[in-house]
Amino acid sequence: MRLFRDEEHVRRAHPEPGAIFAIEQLWTLAQRWYGDRLDPAWTPHDRVRNQDDLASAGLTGQFWELPA
């Protein structure tokens, strides 16, 4: 992952980027994905939960589809 000022800056550096998303989306995803990891009763999330976490951050579409 690399951070850029804006989408125009990304496209100048990488004409065919994989995915572009806002830092706010990354923060939303990180809170959901890692927010409970220090809980002593933590268990790994299943694929459905992980896909929901991506969607809750607005990360949808083919690029963000987790393998079955």
N, C-alpha and C. Protein backbone atom coordinates (compact mmCIF):
# COMPACT_ATOMS: atom_id res chain seq x y z
N MET A 1 0.85 -1.16 0.00
CA MET A 1 0.00 0.00 0.00
C MET A 1 0.90 1.24 0.00
N ARG A 2 0.49 2.20 -0.79
CA ARG A 2 1.19 3.47 -0.85
C ARG A 2 0.18 4.59 -0.68
N LEU A 3 0.58 5.65 -0.02
CA LEU A 3 -0.30 6.80 0.20
C LEU A 3 0.04 7.90 -0.79
N PHE A 4 -1.02 8.52 -1.33
CA PHE A 4 -0.89 9.60 -2.30
C PHE A 4 -1.80 10.75 -1.91
N ARG A 5 -1.52 11.92 -2.45
CA ARG A 5 -2.33 13.10 -2.15
C ARG A 5 -3.75 12.97 -2.68
N ASP A 6 -3.88 12.47 -3.90
CA ASP A 6 -5.20 12.37 -4.52
C ASP A 6 -5.12 11.36 -5.67
N GLU A 7 -6.26 11.10 -6.29
CA GLU A 7 -6.32 10.09 -7.35
C GLU A 7 -5.47 10.50 -8.55
N GLU A 8 -5.43 11.76 -8.87
CA GLU A 8 -4.60 12.23 -9.99
C GLU A 8 -3.13 11.89 -9.75
N HIS A 9 -2.67 12.08 -8.54
CA HIS A 9 -1.29 11.76 -8.18
C HIS A 9 -1.04 10.26 -8.33
N VAL A 10 -2.00 9.44 -7.92
CA VAL A 10 -1.87 7.99 -8.07
C VAL A 10 -1.69 7.64 -9.54
N ARG A 11 -2.56 8.16 -10.38
CA ARG A 11 -2.55 7.80 -11.80
C ARG A 11 -1.30 8.29 -12.52
N ARG A 12 -0.72 9.39 -12.06
CA ARG A 12 0.55 9.83 -12.65
C ARG A 12 1.66 8.84 -12.30
N ALA A 13 1.64 8.32 -11.10
CA ALA A 13 2.68 7.40 -10.64
C ALA A 13 2.44 5.97 -11.14
N HIS A 14 1.17 5.61 -11.26
CA HIS A 14 0.80 4.24 -11.64
C HIS A 14 -0.37 4.30 -12.62
N PRO A 15 -0.12 4.25 -13.91
CA PRO A 15 -1.20 4.37 -14.89
C PRO A 15 -2.30 3.31 -14.75
N GLU A 16 -1.97 2.14 -14.20
CA GLU A 16 -2.96 1.08 -14.02
C GLU A 16 -2.94 0.58 -12.56
N PRO A 17 -3.43 1.40 -11.63
CA PRO A 17 -3.39 0.98 -10.22
C PRO A 17 -4.36 -0.16 -9.95
N GLY A 18 -4.06 -0.95 -8.93
CA GLY A 18 -4.95 -2.06 -8.57
C GLY A 18 -6.25 -1.57 -7.97
N ALA A 19 -6.18 -0.77 -6.94
CA ALA A 19 -7.37 -0.23 -6.29
C ALA A 19 -6.99 1.09 -5.63
N ILE A 20 -7.93 2.00 -5.63
CA ILE A 20 -7.72 3.31 -5.01
C ILE A 20 -8.83 3.50 -3.99
N PHE A 21 -8.44 3.86 -2.77
CA PHE A 21 -9.45 4.13 -1.74
C PHE A 21 -8.92 5.18 -0.79
N ALA A 22 -9.83 5.81 -0.08
CA ALA A 22 -9.48 6.90 0.83
C ALA A 22 -8.93 6.36 2.15
N ILE A 23 -8.09 7.16 2.76
CA ILE A 23 -7.51 6.78 4.05
C ILE A 23 -8.61 6.55 5.09
N GLU A 24 -9.72 7.25 4.97
CA GLU A 24 -10.84 7.05 5.89
C GLU A 24 -11.41 5.63 5.76
N GLN A 25 -11.42 5.13 4.53
CA GLN A 25 -11.89 3.75 4.33
C GLN A 25 -10.93 2.76 4.97
N LEU A 26 -9.65 3.03 4.87
CA LEU A 26 -8.65 2.17 5.50
C LEU A 26 -8.86 2.16 7.02
N TRP A 27 -9.12 3.32 7.60
CA TRP A 27 -9.33 3.42 9.04
C TRP A 27 -10.59 2.64 9.45
N THR A 28 -11.66 2.79 8.69
CA THR A 28 -12.89 2.05 8.99
C THR A 28 -12.63 0.55 8.94
N LEU A 29 -11.93 0.10 7.91
CA LEU A 29 -11.63 -1.32 7.78
C LEU A 29 -10.74 -1.79 8.93
N ALA A 30 -9.71 -1.04 9.25
CA ALA A 30 -8.78 -1.44 10.31
C ALA A 30 -9.49 -1.57 11.65
N GLN A 31 -10.40 -0.66 11.95
CA GLN A 31 -11.15 -0.74 13.21
C GLN A 31 -11.95 -2.02 13.29
N ARG A 32 -12.61 -2.38 12.21
CA ARG A 32 -13.42 -3.60 12.21
C ARG A 32 -12.56 -4.85 12.15
N TRP A 33 -11.53 -4.83 11.30
CA TRP A 33 -10.71 -6.03 11.05
C TRP A 33 -9.87 -6.39 12.28
N TYR A 34 -9.31 -5.36 12.93
CA TYR A 34 -8.39 -5.60 14.04
C TYR A 34 -8.91 -5.18 15.41
N GLY A 35 -10.06 -4.54 15.46
CA GLY A 35 -10.57 -3.95 16.70
C GLY A 35 -10.76 -4.90 17.86
N ASP A 36 -10.99 -6.17 17.59
CA ASP A 36 -11.24 -7.12 18.68
C ASP A 36 -10.08 -8.09 18.91
N ARG A 37 -8.96 -7.86 18.28
CA ARG A 37 -7.85 -8.83 18.34
C ARG A 37 -7.24 -8.98 19.73
N LEU A 38 -7.36 -8.00 20.59
CA LEU A 38 -6.79 -8.11 21.93
C LEU A 38 -7.76 -8.72 22.94
N ASP A 39 -8.96 -9.00 22.51
CA ASP A 39 -9.95 -9.64 23.38
C ASP A 39 -9.48 -11.07 23.68
N PRO A 40 -9.41 -11.44 24.96
CA PRO A 40 -8.96 -12.79 25.31
C PRO A 40 -9.81 -13.90 24.66
N ALA A 41 -11.05 -13.60 24.35
CA ALA A 41 -11.93 -14.60 23.75
C ALA A 41 -11.93 -14.52 22.22
N TRP A 42 -10.98 -13.78 21.64
CA TRP A 42 -10.95 -13.59 20.20
C TRP A 42 -10.80 -14.92 19.46
N THR A 43 -11.55 -15.03 18.39
CA THR A 43 -11.39 -16.14 17.46
C THR A 43 -11.32 -15.54 16.05
N PRO A 44 -10.66 -16.21 15.13
CA PRO A 44 -10.56 -15.65 13.78
C PRO A 44 -11.95 -15.42 13.16
N HIS A 45 -12.05 -14.35 12.41
CA HIS A 45 -13.31 -14.05 11.72
C HIS A 45 -13.44 -14.98 10.52
N ASP A 46 -14.68 -15.31 10.20
CA ASP A 46 -14.89 -16.14 9.02
C ASP A 46 -14.96 -15.26 7.76
N ARG A 47 -15.02 -15.90 6.62
CA ARG A 47 -15.02 -15.19 5.35
C ARG A 47 -16.19 -14.22 5.25
N VAL A 48 -17.36 -14.62 5.71
CA VAL A 48 -18.55 -13.76 5.63
C VAL A 48 -18.31 -12.48 6.44
N ARG A 49 -17.78 -12.61 7.64
CA ARG A 49 -17.50 -11.44 8.48
C ARG A 49 -16.46 -10.55 7.80
N ASN A 50 -15.40 -11.16 7.27
CA ASN A 50 -14.36 -10.37 6.61
C ASN A 50 -14.90 -9.63 5.40
N GLN A 51 -15.77 -10.29 4.61
CA GLN A 51 -16.35 -9.64 3.44
C GLN A 51 -17.25 -8.49 3.88
N ASP A 52 -17.97 -8.69 4.98
CA ASP A 52 -18.82 -7.63 5.52
C ASP A 52 -17.97 -6.45 6.00
N ASP A 53 -16.82 -6.74 6.59
CA ASP A 53 -15.93 -5.67 7.03
C ASP A 53 -15.46 -4.84 5.84
N LEU A 54 -15.10 -5.50 4.76
CA LEU A 54 -14.70 -4.77 3.55
C LEU A 54 -15.85 -3.91 3.04
N ALA A 55 -17.03 -4.49 2.97
CA ALA A 55 -18.20 -3.75 2.47
C ALA A 55 -18.53 -2.56 3.37
N SER A 56 -18.38 -2.74 4.68
CA SER A 56 -18.70 -1.64 5.61
C SER A 56 -17.77 -0.45 5.40
N ALA A 57 -16.59 -0.71 4.87
CA ALA A 57 -15.65 0.37 4.57
C ALA A 57 -15.85 0.90 3.15
N GLY A 58 -16.85 0.39 2.45
CA GLY A 58 -17.12 0.84 1.08
C GLY A 58 -16.20 0.19 0.06
N LEU A 59 -15.55 -0.90 0.45
CA LEU A 59 -14.63 -1.59 -0.46
C LEU A 59 -15.37 -2.77 -1.06
N THR A 60 -15.98 -2.51 -2.20
CA THR A 60 -16.81 -3.51 -2.87
C THR A 60 -16.36 -3.67 -4.31
N GLY A 61 -16.85 -4.67 -4.96
CA GLY A 61 -16.50 -4.93 -6.35
C GLY A 61 -15.56 -6.11 -6.45
N GLN A 62 -15.26 -6.50 -7.67
CA GLN A 62 -14.48 -7.70 -7.94
C GLN A 62 -13.12 -7.68 -7.24
N PHE A 63 -12.44 -6.55 -7.23
CA PHE A 63 -11.13 -6.47 -6.61
C PHE A 63 -11.17 -6.89 -5.14
N TRP A 64 -12.27 -6.57 -4.45
CA TRP A 64 -12.39 -6.79 -3.01
C TRP A 64 -13.07 -8.10 -2.65
N GLU A 65 -13.42 -8.92 -3.62
CA GLU A 65 -14.07 -10.20 -3.34
C GLU A 65 -13.04 -11.19 -2.79
N LEU A 66 -13.30 -11.71 -1.60
CA LEU A 66 -12.42 -12.70 -1.00
C LEU A 66 -12.68 -14.06 -1.64
N PRO A 67 -11.66 -14.90 -1.73
CA PRO A 67 -11.88 -16.23 -2.31
C PRO A 67 -12.80 -17.07 -1.44
N ALA A 68 -13.55 -17.94 -2.08
CA ALA A 68 -14.50 -18.79 -1.37
C ALA A 68 -13.79 -19.86 -0.57
